[in-house]
Amino acid sequence: MRVLQVGKFYPPHMGGIETHLQDLCGELSRSISVRVLVANDSRRHCDEIVDGLRITRLAPLFNVSTAPVCPRMAPEIRRARADLVHLHLPNPATMLACFASAHRGRLVLTWHSDVLRPPVITRALAPLERLAIRRAGACIVTSHRYLESSPLLSEHRARCRVIPYGIPCERFAQCDTAAVARIRARFGTPLLLAIGRLTYYKGFEFLIHAMRYIDAHLLLIGDGPLRQMLEGDARALGVSPRVSFLGEIHNRALSPYYHAADVFVLPSVARSEAFGIVQLEAMASGVPVVNTRIDSGVPSVSLDGTTGLTVPPCAPEPLAAAINCLLDDPPLRARYGAAGRRRVAEEFTLDQMARRTLDVYCEILSRPCGRSAA
């Protein structure tokens, strides 16, 4: 089985989808032939072998919003002659390239998130997205909750297969205790941790506002267009001495930060946060999670009252109350942390995700040519 995985970018480019693509392809390559086709961060083409995987990075001509447009994408898909092309969406340029390539093999989508803004783009893309779903043998969605809450996906339930994200639990189960000690010595305790791109749907401004009511130090890992605004908020609210913006830190170096933290916070405010893989990483590290009750898969990952606490979005005071509840109750933190570890080991492993994905491939390839999902 020859599978071409087509995404937006690939590590070392930072991002949740990029990390997922790397982990999924690495695990699938144990069983099948996998090649990866993505855009490059620079304006040059690059064909390389990374961890035994062939990664082709294409030079982008320009970007539309955050989506790179690569003129060579369609020819590369056509030349790959893959039995199956697996597209990771949202990525409008990739959808168009796949159609333009005249790929006649099977097609699988992973629907990481709906396109939610700006509304004019959402409306313009809807016909293209519907066409992609109808053309695909299956559309992988990461949670039942996201499937039911998405107007577009719920129209095509028969084509959808729910496969939650999985992570390599061993990467987070243990870590360098000396590194943990250095982090705690540098920033003090108790420690809060939040990780993500500094953009609108992450809701970090509400976490910074909540810090007015919390006696702890917040480590915020990530970068993005709102960094300057968030730093200004922290200064204006008088909490900047207790909020550290650490910028991007490579995924492989995150484990000590999880283990140093007393509470992990995911304060997302919009459905663009479809799942929150960082919740899994925190849970696998034994850290309780405070997340938000948004209309996506987020609250179905870390469960309220089981592995952490769930609060309304855009609400600094309830967010602070939940964080303080955990900070004030070490036995509760330990209980939620242990439950999180068990939940990830039972439901969200990399091996499970890869096996379920391979099952979808086999299902699609076993159908007579031209037959779609029921």
Protein backbone atom coordinates (compact mmCIF):
# COMPACT_ATOMS: atom_id res chain seq x y z
CA MET A 1 0.00 0.00 0.00
CA ARG A 2 1.46 3.34 -1.08
CA VAL A 3 -0.01 6.31 0.76
CA LEU A 4 0.75 9.97 0.05
CA GLN A 5 0.11 12.20 3.08
CA VAL A 6 -0.51 15.81 2.04
CA GLY A 7 -0.43 18.52 4.69
CA LYS A 8 0.31 22.19 5.12
CA PHE A 9 3.72 21.96 6.84
CA TYR A 10 5.84 19.36 8.63
CA PRO A 11 8.16 19.60 11.66
CA PRO A 12 10.37 21.35 12.60
CA HIS A 13 7.53 23.77 11.69
CA MET A 14 5.57 24.06 14.95
CA GLY A 15 1.89 23.24 15.27
CA GLY A 16 -0.55 20.61 16.48
CA ILE A 17 -1.45 19.32 13.01
CA GLU A 18 2.22 19.18 12.05
CA THR A 19 3.02 17.14 15.17
CA HIS A 20 0.08 14.84 14.44
CA LEU A 21 1.26 14.33 10.86
CA GLN A 22 4.77 13.43 12.00
CA ASP A 23 3.58 10.97 14.65
CA LEU A 24 0.97 9.35 12.40
CA CYS A 25 3.33 8.91 9.44
CA GLY A 26 6.10 7.53 11.62
CA GLU A 27 3.78 4.90 13.07
CA LEU A 28 2.10 4.03 9.74
CA SER A 29 5.49 3.59 8.06
CA ARG A 30 5.99 0.45 10.16
CA SER A 31 3.28 -1.23 8.07
CA ILE A 32 2.94 0.55 4.74
CA SER A 33 4.84 2.81 2.33
CA VAL A 34 4.31 6.46 3.33
CA ARG A 35 5.47 9.63 1.63
CA VAL A 36 4.78 13.16 2.88
CA LEU A 37 4.10 16.19 0.68
CA VAL A 38 3.95 19.65 2.31
CA ALA A 39 4.94 23.27 1.80
CA ASN A 40 8.36 24.53 2.80
CA ASP A 41 8.93 27.44 5.16
CA SER A 42 11.38 28.89 2.64
CA ARG A 43 11.02 29.54 -1.09
CA ARG A 44 12.90 26.47 -2.22
CA HIS A 45 12.13 22.83 -2.91
CA CYS A 46 13.54 20.18 -0.61
CA ASP A 47 13.33 16.40 -0.89
CA GLU A 48 14.78 14.62 2.14
CA ILE A 49 14.62 11.53 4.30
CA VAL A 50 13.64 12.27 7.92
CA ASP A 51 13.46 9.37 10.39
CA GLY A 52 13.16 6.97 7.45
CA LEU A 53 10.30 8.96 5.83
CA ARG A 54 10.52 10.71 2.47
CA ILE A 55 9.46 14.32 3.03
CA THR A 56 8.98 16.57 0.01
CA ARG A 57 8.75 20.27 0.92
CA LEU A 58 7.57 22.48 -1.93
CA ALA A 59 8.40 26.15 -2.38
CA PRO A 60 5.32 28.33 -1.82
CA LEU A 61 4.62 31.03 -4.38
CA PHE A 62 2.53 33.04 -1.90
CA ASN A 63 0.22 32.59 1.08
CA VAL A 64 -3.53 33.09 1.29
CA SER A 65 -4.09 33.88 4.95
CA THR A 66 -1.98 31.13 6.55
CA ALA A 67 -2.35 28.68 3.65
CA PRO A 68 0.68 28.30 1.35
CA VAL A 69 0.06 28.01 -2.39
CA CYS A 70 2.62 25.74 -4.10
CA PRO A 71 2.48 25.54 -7.92
CA ARG A 72 4.21 22.15 -7.89
CA MET A 73 1.68 20.53 -5.54
CA ALA A 74 -0.65 19.17 -8.25
CA PRO A 75 2.15 17.72 -10.44
CA GLU A 76 3.76 16.10 -7.39
CA ILE A 77 0.49 14.45 -6.36
CA ARG A 78 0.07 13.15 -9.91
CA ARG A 79 3.65 11.83 -10.13
CA ALA A 80 3.40 10.06 -6.77
CA ARG A 81 1.03 7.44 -8.27
CA ALA A 82 -0.16 6.63 -4.76
CA ASP A 83 -2.81 4.01 -4.10
CA LEU A 84 -4.34 6.47 -1.66
CA VAL A 85 -3.93 10.20 -1.03
CA HIS A 86 -4.63 11.41 2.51
CA LEU A 87 -5.35 15.15 2.74
CA HIS A 88 -5.14 17.03 6.04
CA LEU A 89 -7.64 19.90 6.15
CA PRO A 90 -8.36 22.81 6.39
CA ASN A 91 -6.06 23.65 3.50
CA PRO A 92 -7.95 25.02 0.46
CA ALA A 93 -4.88 25.15 -1.78
CA THR A 94 -4.22 21.46 -1.16
CA MET A 95 -7.82 20.55 -2.04
CA LEU A 96 -7.57 22.44 -5.31
CA ALA A 97 -4.18 20.85 -6.07
CA CYS A 98 -5.59 17.39 -5.50
CA PHE A 99 -8.48 18.03 -7.90
CA ALA A 100 -6.10 19.55 -10.47
CA SER A 101 -3.74 16.57 -10.22
CA ALA A 102 -6.37 14.23 -11.71
CA HIS A 103 -5.46 11.67 -9.02
CA ARG A 104 -7.48 8.56 -9.84
CA GLY A 105 -6.68 6.56 -6.74
CA ARG A 106 -8.55 6.62 -3.46
CA LEU A 107 -8.87 9.71 -1.28
CA VAL A 108 -9.12 10.05 2.51
CA LEU A 109 -9.50 13.31 4.41
CA THR A 110 -8.69 14.20 8.00
CA TRP A 111 -10.93 17.08 9.01
CA HIS A 112 -8.89 18.80 11.70
CA SER A 113 -11.18 21.83 11.94
CA ASP A 114 -13.87 23.78 10.13
CA VAL A 115 -12.88 27.09 8.55
CA LEU A 116 -14.72 29.59 10.73
CA ARG A 117 -13.46 33.04 9.78
CA PRO A 118 -13.62 35.33 8.03
CA PRO A 119 -17.25 34.50 7.12
CA VAL A 120 -16.81 35.43 3.47
CA ILE A 121 -14.04 32.82 3.14
CA THR A 122 -16.17 30.24 4.97
CA ARG A 123 -19.03 30.71 2.52
CA ALA A 124 -16.73 30.68 -0.50
CA LEU A 125 -15.05 27.44 0.56
CA ALA A 126 -18.20 25.49 1.40
CA PRO A 127 -18.86 24.17 -2.16
CA LEU A 128 -15.23 23.07 -2.51
CA GLU A 129 -15.32 21.34 0.88
CA ARG A 130 -18.55 19.53 0.01
CA LEU A 131 -17.01 18.36 -3.23
CA ALA A 132 -13.93 17.06 -1.38
CA ILE A 133 -16.07 15.12 1.11
CA ARG A 134 -18.19 13.59 -1.68
CA ARG A 135 -15.03 12.66 -3.61
CA ALA A 136 -13.39 11.04 -0.56
CA GLY A 137 -13.84 7.42 0.41
CA ALA A 138 -13.84 8.51 4.06
CA CYS A 139 -13.46 11.65 6.14
CA ILE A 140 -11.69 11.17 9.48
CA VAL A 141 -12.98 13.38 12.30
CA THR A 142 -11.25 13.56 15.67
CA SER A 143 -14.31 13.46 17.95
CA HIS A 144 -18.02 12.62 17.87
CA ARG A 145 -18.72 16.01 19.40
CA TYR A 146 -17.02 17.86 16.54
CA LEU A 147 -18.81 15.73 13.96
CA GLU A 148 -22.21 16.57 15.42
CA SER A 149 -21.44 20.27 15.94
CA SER A 150 -20.15 20.87 12.40
CA PRO A 151 -22.94 21.79 9.94
CA LEU A 152 -20.88 20.55 7.00
CA LEU A 153 -19.70 17.26 8.51
CA SER A 154 -23.08 16.38 9.97
CA GLU A 155 -24.47 16.49 6.41
CA HIS A 156 -22.12 13.63 5.52
CA ARG A 157 -22.16 11.38 8.60
CA ALA A 158 -22.03 8.21 6.50
CA ARG A 159 -18.66 9.20 5.09
CA CYS A 160 -17.17 10.16 8.46
CA ARG A 161 -15.05 7.93 10.70
CA VAL A 162 -14.23 9.15 14.21
CA ILE A 163 -10.58 8.54 15.10
CA PRO A 164 -9.31 10.56 18.08
CA TYR A 165 -5.77 11.88 18.07
CA GLY A 166 -3.19 9.68 19.72
CA ILE A 167 0.21 10.54 21.17
CA PRO A 168 3.38 8.61 22.04
CA CYS A 169 2.67 8.31 25.76
CA GLU A 170 6.23 7.25 26.57
CA ARG A 171 7.48 10.67 25.47
CA PHE A 172 5.61 12.28 28.36
CA ALA A 173 5.49 9.54 30.98
CA GLN A 174 8.97 10.33 32.23
CA CYS A 175 11.34 13.26 31.94
CA ASP A 176 14.61 14.74 33.10
CA THR A 177 14.06 15.47 36.80
CA ALA A 178 16.99 17.90 36.83
CA ALA A 179 15.33 19.91 34.04
CA VAL A 180 12.08 19.97 36.03
CA ALA A 181 13.95 21.22 39.09
CA ARG A 182 15.62 23.99 37.05
CA ILE A 183 12.25 25.21 35.73
CA ARG A 184 10.75 25.28 39.21
CA ALA A 185 13.80 27.03 40.63
CA ARG A 186 13.71 29.65 37.88
CA PHE A 187 9.99 30.49 38.02
CA GLY A 188 8.94 29.40 41.50
CA THR A 189 5.82 27.50 42.48
CA PRO A 190 2.97 26.90 42.04
CA LEU A 191 3.22 26.84 38.24
CA LEU A 192 0.51 27.07 35.60
CA LEU A 193 1.25 26.01 32.02
CA ALA A 194 -0.48 26.96 28.76
CA ILE A 195 0.78 26.05 25.28
CA GLY A 196 -0.40 27.16 21.86
CA ARG A 197 -0.22 29.64 19.04
CA LEU A 198 -0.94 33.13 20.29
CA THR A 199 -4.05 33.68 18.19
CA TYR A 200 -7.69 34.62 18.68
CA TYR A 201 -9.29 31.25 19.36
CA LYS A 202 -6.88 30.22 22.11
CA GLY A 203 -8.42 32.66 24.62
CA PHE A 204 -5.12 33.48 26.33
CA GLU A 205 -6.29 37.03 27.06
CA PHE A 206 -8.91 35.59 29.44
CA LEU A 207 -6.25 33.51 31.20
CA ILE A 208 -4.11 36.62 31.66
CA HIS A 209 -7.12 38.46 33.10
CA ALA A 210 -7.73 35.49 35.41
CA MET A 211 -4.19 35.84 36.77
CA ARG A 212 -5.42 38.85 38.79
CA TYR A 213 -7.12 36.34 41.10
CA ILE A 214 -4.46 33.62 41.16
CA ASP A 215 -1.32 33.44 43.29
CA ALA A 216 0.84 31.43 40.88
CA HIS A 217 3.25 31.86 37.97
CA LEU A 218 1.99 31.27 34.42
CA LEU A 219 4.31 29.89 31.73
CA LEU A 220 2.92 30.61 28.27
CA ILE A 221 4.68 28.65 25.51
CA GLY A 222 4.09 29.60 21.89
CA ASP A 223 4.21 32.55 19.54
CA GLY A 224 1.84 34.27 17.18
CA PRO A 225 0.18 37.50 16.07
CA LEU A 226 -1.29 38.37 19.49
CA ARG A 227 1.92 38.22 21.49
CA GLN A 228 2.42 41.99 21.71
CA MET A 229 -1.21 42.52 22.72
CA LEU A 230 -1.05 39.79 25.38
CA GLU A 231 2.17 41.17 26.83
CA GLY A 232 0.51 44.60 26.96
CA ASP A 233 -2.51 43.11 28.75
CA ALA A 234 -0.24 41.51 31.36
CA ARG A 235 1.48 44.85 32.02
CA ALA A 236 -1.77 46.81 32.16
CA LEU A 237 -3.30 44.35 34.63
CA GLY A 238 -0.20 44.33 36.83
CA VAL A 239 0.40 40.58 36.44
CA SER A 240 3.43 40.67 34.12
CA PRO A 241 5.86 39.64 36.92
CA ARG A 242 3.86 36.40 37.19
CA VAL A 243 3.40 35.71 33.47
CA SER A 244 6.36 34.49 31.41
CA PHE A 245 6.14 34.40 27.62
CA LEU A 246 8.63 31.69 26.62
CA GLY A 247 8.09 31.72 22.84
CA GLU A 248 8.23 28.54 20.79
CA ILE A 249 9.81 25.48 22.36
CA HIS A 250 10.29 22.36 20.27
CA ASN A 251 7.84 19.55 20.97
CA ARG A 252 10.62 17.19 22.02
CA ALA A 253 11.69 19.64 24.74
CA LEU A 254 8.25 20.19 26.29
CA SER A 255 8.08 17.26 28.68
CA PRO A 256 9.95 18.93 31.60
CA TYR A 257 7.54 21.90 31.44
CA TYR A 258 4.53 19.60 31.75
CA HIS A 259 6.09 17.80 34.70
CA ALA A 260 7.04 21.07 36.38
CA ALA A 261 3.46 22.38 36.14
CA ASP A 262 0.83 22.03 38.86
CA VAL A 263 -2.08 22.77 36.49
CA PHE A 264 -2.39 22.85 32.70
CA VAL A 265 -4.82 25.42 31.24
CA LEU A 266 -6.52 25.38 27.83
CA PRO A 267 -8.72 28.53 27.81
CA SER A 268 -9.92 28.25 24.17
CA VAL A 269 -12.92 30.28 23.08
CA ALA A 270 -13.87 29.08 19.56
CA ARG A 271 -14.48 25.88 17.59
CA SER A 272 -11.24 26.46 15.71
CA GLU A 273 -9.83 24.63 18.73
CA ALA A 274 -11.26 21.32 17.57
CA PHE A 275 -9.55 18.98 20.03
CA GLY A 276 -6.53 20.34 21.90
CA ILE A 277 -3.77 17.73 21.57
CA VAL A 278 -1.84 19.55 24.30
CA GLN A 279 -4.48 18.28 26.74
CA LEU A 280 -3.37 14.72 25.96
CA GLU A 281 0.26 15.64 26.55
CA ALA A 282 -0.57 17.21 29.91
CA MET A 283 -2.72 14.24 30.92
CA ALA A 284 -0.02 11.76 29.90
CA SER A 285 2.34 13.74 32.15
CA GLY A 286 -0.03 13.39 35.09
CA VAL A 287 -1.09 17.05 35.17
CA PRO A 288 -4.74 18.03 35.80
CA VAL A 289 -6.36 20.14 33.07
CA VAL A 290 -8.64 23.16 33.19
CA ASN A 291 -10.39 23.51 29.82
CA THR A 292 -13.46 25.30 28.45
CA ARG A 293 -16.96 24.20 27.49
CA ILE A 294 -16.76 25.13 23.82
CA ASP A 295 -18.73 23.51 21.00
CA SER A 296 -15.96 21.20 19.85
CA GLY A 297 -14.09 18.09 20.98
CA VAL A 298 -12.15 19.96 23.69
CA PRO A 299 -14.36 19.08 26.70
CA SER A 300 -14.60 15.44 25.58
CA VAL A 301 -10.82 15.00 25.92
CA SER A 302 -10.20 16.08 29.52
CA LEU A 303 -13.42 15.28 31.37
CA ASP A 304 -14.91 17.65 33.92
CA GLY A 305 -14.66 16.14 37.40
CA THR A 306 -12.53 13.20 36.19
CA THR A 307 -9.25 14.48 34.77
CA GLY A 308 -9.71 18.18 35.52
CA LEU A 309 -12.29 20.94 35.51
CA THR A 310 -14.28 22.52 32.67
CA VAL A 311 -15.49 26.13 32.78
CA PRO A 312 -17.39 28.48 30.46
CA PRO A 313 -15.26 30.20 27.79
CA CYS A 314 -14.46 33.93 27.88
CA ALA A 315 -14.96 34.02 31.66
CA PRO A 316 -11.83 34.98 33.68
CA GLU A 317 -13.40 34.64 37.14
CA PRO A 318 -14.76 31.07 36.73
CA LEU A 319 -11.45 30.16 35.08
CA ALA A 320 -9.54 31.54 38.08
CA ALA A 321 -11.88 29.75 40.51
CA ALA A 322 -11.25 26.38 38.83
CA ILE A 323 -7.49 26.91 38.83
CA ASN A 324 -7.51 27.95 42.48
CA CYS A 325 -9.64 24.94 43.38
CA LEU A 326 -6.90 22.67 42.04
CA LEU A 327 -4.02 24.68 43.47
CA ASP A 328 -5.62 24.55 46.93
CA ASP A 329 -6.21 20.78 46.85
CA PRO A 330 -3.06 18.69 46.18
CA PRO A 331 -4.89 15.32 46.66
CA LEU A 332 -7.48 16.36 44.06
CA ARG A 333 -4.69 17.34 41.65
CA ALA A 334 -3.03 13.96 42.18
CA ARG A 335 -6.31 12.10 41.62
CA TYR A 336 -7.13 13.98 38.43
CA GLY A 337 -3.54 13.60 37.21
CA ALA A 338 -3.58 9.81 37.71
CA ALA A 339 -6.98 9.57 35.99
CA GLY A 340 -5.61 11.57 33.05
CA ARG A 341 -2.69 9.18 32.62
CA ARG A 342 -5.07 6.20 32.60
CA ARG A 343 -7.43 7.86 30.13
CA VAL A 344 -4.67 8.61 27.61
CA ALA A 345 -3.25 5.08 27.92
CA GLU A 346 -6.70 3.57 27.33
CA GLU A 347 -8.14 5.89 24.67
CA PHE A 348 -5.54 8.10 23.00
CA THR A 349 -2.36 6.18 22.16
CA LEU A 350 -0.43 6.62 18.94
CA ASP A 351 -0.71 2.90 18.23
CA GLN A 352 -4.51 3.01 18.46
CA MET A 353 -4.74 6.02 16.17
CA ALA A 354 -2.48 4.44 13.54
CA ARG A 355 -4.30 1.09 13.62
CA ARG A 356 -7.69 2.77 13.25
CA THR A 357 -6.37 4.89 10.37
CA LEU A 358 -4.93 1.81 8.65
CA ASP A 359 -8.30 0.09 9.05
CA VAL A 360 -9.91 3.02 7.18
CA TYR A 361 -7.35 2.71 4.39
CA CYS A 362 -8.03 -1.02 4.05
CA GLU A 363 -11.78 -0.41 4.05
CA ILE A 364 -11.49 2.15 1.25
CA LEU A 365 -9.08 0.12 -0.86
CA SER A 366 -11.20 -3.03 -0.54
CA ARG A 367 -14.19 -1.39 -2.21
CA PRO A 368 -14.74 -1.81 -5.94
CA CYS A 369 -13.25 1.12 -7.81
CA GLY A 370 -15.63 4.05 -7.95
CA ARG A 371 -17.76 2.95 -5.01
CA SER A 372 -18.12 5.52 -2.23
CA ALA A 373 -19.14 5.19 1.37
CA ALA A 374 -22.64 4.04 2.13
